[in-house]
């Protein structure tokens, strides 16, 4: 038999609305974690060797990579030593060059903090909705479980009534047919038999209805 606790667990596992809500909570938890990236400084790095230039730039949670090859189309006199700049052409400088930049936002008008608060508020709302939904499902299952138990109990009671009325009817029939002398059944007539038959039929009708109600529950 399915216990109340197992019925509640089964309902919680099979409710599609609950699964969808839990999916929303997991997504919102990721959004809350992603607000951390708003406090990370943006980075960029460059690596150069002669005419080959590789650039990496981080924006929020993504990285952009750019590779260029820029040979000089026209030779010219080399520049004085120490005058090389990283942004010049490959012909202006020789060997290796490395550059690393940090872009730290000092003030964003509270945008990052506002996004963080809004994400946390939405997560709290979804978690509260999940708890309320849990309670709602538990109440629904307990009510349905009680209805099933009551329907089964009514069916068993009506089944016993059918047995009692059938036994009384059969006894009356035997008394009238065989002339048995039973203290509780003296002075019976066929009207008593008809009345017992009607009571037995009504008990059967009520029993079948209660059995249908039990099956529906």
Protein backbone atom coordinates (compact mmCIF):
# COMPACT_ATOMS: atom_id res chain seq x y z
CA UNK A 1 0.00 0.00 0.00
CA UNK A 2 1.12 3.54 -0.72
CA UNK A 3 1.86 5.37 2.53
CA UNK A 4 1.18 9.07 2.99
CA UNK A 5 4.89 9.90 3.07
CA UNK A 6 5.61 7.99 -0.14
CA UNK A 7 2.56 9.58 -1.80
CA UNK A 8 3.90 13.05 -0.96
CA UNK A 9 7.37 12.13 -2.26
CA UNK A 10 5.85 10.74 -5.46
CA UNK A 11 3.82 13.90 -6.02
CA UNK A 12 6.84 16.14 -5.46
CA UNK A 13 8.88 14.10 -7.93
CA UNK A 14 6.21 14.09 -10.67
CA UNK A 15 4.83 17.64 -10.63
CA UNK A 16 6.04 19.34 -13.81
CA UNK A 17 5.36 22.80 -12.37
CA UNK A 18 7.71 22.02 -9.48
CA UNK A 19 10.46 20.82 -11.81
CA UNK A 20 10.09 23.96 -13.91
CA UNK A 21 10.33 26.15 -10.81
CA UNK A 22 13.46 24.35 -9.63
CA UNK A 23 14.97 24.92 -13.08
CA UNK A 24 14.24 28.65 -12.74
CA UNK A 25 15.96 28.66 -9.34
CA UNK A 26 19.07 26.96 -10.72
CA UNK A 27 19.19 29.50 -13.55
CA UNK A 28 18.78 32.39 -11.12
CA UNK A 29 21.55 31.00 -8.92
CA UNK A 30 23.85 31.12 -11.94
CA UNK A 31 22.80 34.72 -12.60
CA UNK A 32 23.61 35.61 -8.99
CA UNK A 33 27.05 34.05 -9.36
CA UNK A 34 27.60 35.92 -12.62
CA UNK A 35 27.22 39.29 -10.89
CA UNK A 36 30.70 38.59 -9.53
CA UNK A 37 32.11 39.25 -12.99
CA UNK A 38 30.97 42.85 -12.75
CA UNK A 39 33.71 43.44 -10.17
CA UNK A 40 36.49 41.81 -12.18
CA UNK A 41 38.72 44.27 -14.07
CA UNK A 42 38.85 43.90 -17.82
CA UNK A 43 42.14 42.55 -19.11
CA UNK A 44 43.93 42.79 -22.40
CA UNK A 45 47.26 41.33 -23.46
CA UNK A 46 49.37 41.61 -26.57
CA UNK A 47 52.25 39.54 -27.84
CA UNK A 48 54.38 40.66 -30.77
CA UNK A 49 57.21 39.16 -32.69
CA UNK A 50 58.40 41.30 -35.57
CA UNK A 51 55.50 41.51 -38.02
CA UNK A 52 53.24 39.06 -36.17
CA UNK A 53 50.89 40.47 -33.53
CA UNK A 54 48.56 38.46 -31.24
CA UNK A 55 46.04 40.39 -29.09
CA UNK A 56 43.73 39.03 -26.34
CA UNK A 57 40.98 41.11 -24.75
CA UNK A 58 38.55 40.12 -21.98
CA UNK A 59 35.08 41.63 -21.84
CA UNK A 60 32.96 40.46 -18.91
CA UNK A 61 33.03 36.65 -19.29
CA UNK A 62 34.26 36.39 -22.88
CA UNK A 63 37.65 36.61 -24.50
CA UNK A 64 38.38 38.06 -27.93
CA UNK A 65 41.50 37.02 -29.80
CA UNK A 66 42.98 38.83 -32.76
CA UNK A 67 46.01 37.74 -34.79
CA UNK A 68 47.57 40.03 -37.40
CA UNK A 69 50.48 39.85 -39.77
CA UNK A 70 51.61 43.26 -40.98
CA UNK A 71 54.83 43.25 -42.99
CA UNK A 72 56.20 46.57 -44.15
CA UNK A 73 55.37 47.38 -47.76
CA UNK A 74 58.02 50.05 -48.05
CA UNK A 75 61.44 50.03 -46.38
CA UNK A 76 62.73 53.18 -44.72
CA UNK A 77 65.56 54.23 -42.50
CA UNK A 78 65.51 52.51 -39.12
CA UNK A 79 64.53 54.69 -36.17
CA UNK A 80 66.89 55.61 -33.41
CA UNK A 81 67.44 53.08 -30.66
CA UNK A 82 64.92 53.54 -27.88
CA UNK A 83 62.32 55.16 -30.10
CA UNK A 84 60.37 51.97 -30.73
CA UNK A 85 56.71 52.00 -29.81
CA UNK A 86 54.52 48.96 -29.34
CA UNK A 87 51.90 50.31 -31.68
CA UNK A 88 54.33 50.80 -34.56
CA UNK A 89 54.71 48.56 -37.54
CA UNK A 90 56.73 45.39 -37.42
CA UNK A 91 59.47 47.12 -39.43
CA UNK A 92 59.91 49.81 -36.73
CA UNK A 93 60.83 47.31 -34.06
CA UNK A 94 62.52 43.95 -33.92
CA UNK A 95 62.45 40.93 -31.60
CA UNK A 96 59.73 40.23 -29.05
CA UNK A 97 57.25 42.56 -27.36
CA UNK A 98 54.69 41.92 -24.64
CA UNK A 99 51.99 44.23 -23.31
CA UNK A 100 49.41 43.67 -20.50
CA UNK A 101 46.61 46.09 -19.58
CA UNK A 102 44.08 46.25 -16.72
CA UNK A 103 40.88 48.25 -17.02
CA UNK A 104 39.35 48.68 -13.54
CA UNK A 105 36.03 50.48 -13.19
CA UNK A 106 36.23 52.79 -10.17
CA UNK A 107 32.59 53.95 -10.26
CA UNK A 108 29.65 52.63 -12.26
CA UNK A 109 26.82 54.60 -10.58
CA UNK A 110 25.88 51.53 -8.53
CA UNK A 111 24.96 49.47 -11.60
CA UNK A 112 26.84 46.35 -10.51
CA UNK A 113 25.53 46.53 -6.95
CA UNK A 114 21.99 47.10 -8.25
CA UNK A 115 22.22 44.05 -10.51
CA UNK A 116 23.49 41.98 -7.60
CA UNK A 117 20.65 43.09 -5.30
CA UNK A 118 18.04 42.48 -8.01
CA UNK A 119 19.42 38.99 -8.72
CA UNK A 120 19.41 38.09 -5.02
CA UNK A 121 15.87 39.43 -4.61
CA UNK A 122 14.60 37.37 -7.54
CA UNK A 123 16.35 34.27 -6.18
CA UNK A 124 14.74 34.80 -2.76
CA UNK A 125 11.32 35.21 -4.39
CA UNK A 126 11.72 31.95 -6.34
CA UNK A 127 12.92 30.09 -3.24
CA UNK A 128 9.91 31.36 -1.28
CA UNK A 129 7.61 30.33 -4.13
CA UNK A 130 9.24 26.88 -4.09
CA UNK A 131 8.60 26.46 -0.35
CA UNK A 132 4.98 27.55 -0.75
CA UNK A 133 4.54 25.18 -3.68
CA UNK A 134 5.95 22.35 -1.56
CA UNK A 135 3.40 23.10 1.15
CA UNK A 136 0.58 23.32 -1.40
CA UNK A 137 1.45 19.92 -2.88
CA UNK A 138 1.69 18.35 0.58
CA UNK A 139 -1.74 19.71 1.51
CA UNK A 140 -3.26 18.48 -1.76
CA UNK A 141 -1.80 15.00 -1.34
CA UNK A 142 -2.84 14.75 2.32
CA UNK A 143 -6.39 15.81 1.44
CA UNK A 144 -6.55 13.32 -1.43
CA UNK A 145 -5.02 10.59 0.73
CA UNK A 146 -7.65 11.23 3.40
CA UNK A 147 -10.41 11.09 0.80
CA UNK A 148 -9.11 7.74 -0.40
CA UNK A 149 -8.99 6.38 3.15
CA UNK A 150 -12.52 7.61 3.88
CA UNK A 151 -13.86 6.18 0.63
CA UNK A 152 -12.30 2.81 1.38
CA UNK A 153 -13.70 2.83 4.91
CA UNK A 154 -17.22 3.66 3.64
CA UNK A 155 -17.00 0.86 1.08
CA UNK A 156 -15.97 -1.66 3.76
CA UNK A 157 -18.83 -0.54 6.01
CA UNK A 158 -21.38 -0.87 3.19
CA UNK A 159 -19.97 -4.27 2.31
CA UNK A 160 -20.60 -5.45 5.87
CA UNK A 161 -24.15 -4.06 5.72
CA UNK A 162 -24.76 -6.04 2.53
CA UNK A 163 -23.56 -9.20 4.27
CA UNK A 164 -25.82 -8.55 7.27
CA UNK A 165 -28.93 -7.88 5.17
CA UNK A 166 -28.22 -10.89 2.95
CA UNK A 167 -27.82 -13.14 5.97
CA UNK A 168 -31.12 -11.86 7.43
CA UNK A 169 -32.92 -12.35 4.11
CA UNK A 170 -31.63 -15.93 3.73
CA UNK A 171 -32.66 -16.74 7.29
CA UNK A 172 -36.18 -15.39 6.70
CA UNK A 173 -36.45 -17.43 3.51
CA UNK A 174 -35.40 -20.60 5.34
CA UNK A 175 -37.86 -19.90 8.15
CA UNK A 176 -40.73 -19.46 5.68
CA UNK A 177 -39.72 -22.34 3.39
CA UNK A 178 -38.64 -24.91 5.97
CA UNK A 179 -40.78 -23.83 8.92
CA UNK A 180 -37.84 -23.36 11.26
CA UNK A 181 -38.71 -22.27 14.80
CA UNK A 182 -36.30 -19.50 15.65
CA UNK A 183 -37.17 -17.20 18.59
CA UNK A 184 -36.16 -14.05 16.81
CA UNK A 185 -38.02 -14.94 13.61
CA UNK A 186 -41.44 -16.10 14.90
CA UNK A 187 -44.56 -14.71 13.31
CA UNK A 188 -42.87 -13.84 9.99
CA UNK A 189 -44.92 -13.33 6.85
CA UNK A 190 -44.06 -12.99 3.19
CA UNK A 191 -44.30 -9.21 3.63
CA UNK A 192 -41.33 -9.48 5.97
CA UNK A 193 -39.48 -11.40 3.28
CA UNK A 194 -40.30 -8.75 0.67
CA UNK A 195 -39.13 -6.03 3.08
CA UNK A 196 -35.88 -7.90 3.78
CA UNK A 197 -35.35 -8.35 0.04
CA UNK A 198 -35.85 -4.61 -0.51
CA UNK A 199 -33.40 -3.77 2.27
CA UNK A 200 -30.83 -6.17 0.83
CA UNK A 201 -31.24 -4.66 -2.67
CA UNK A 202 -30.83 -1.12 -1.30
CA UNK A 203 -27.73 -2.17 0.64
CA UNK A 204 -26.27 -3.62 -2.55
CA UNK A 205 -27.00 -0.40 -4.44
CA UNK A 206 -25.28 1.72 -1.76
CA UNK A 207 -22.33 -0.67 -1.66
CA UNK A 208 -21.80 -0.53 -5.43
CA UNK A 209 -21.92 3.26 -5.31
CA UNK A 210 -19.38 3.36 -2.48
CA UNK A 211 -17.15 0.95 -4.41
CA UNK A 212 -17.31 3.26 -7.43
CA UNK A 213 -16.45 6.23 -5.21
CA UNK A 214 -13.49 4.31 -3.81
CA UNK A 215 -12.23 3.50 -7.30
CA UNK A 216 -12.56 7.16 -8.36
CA UNK A 217 -10.73 8.35 -5.24
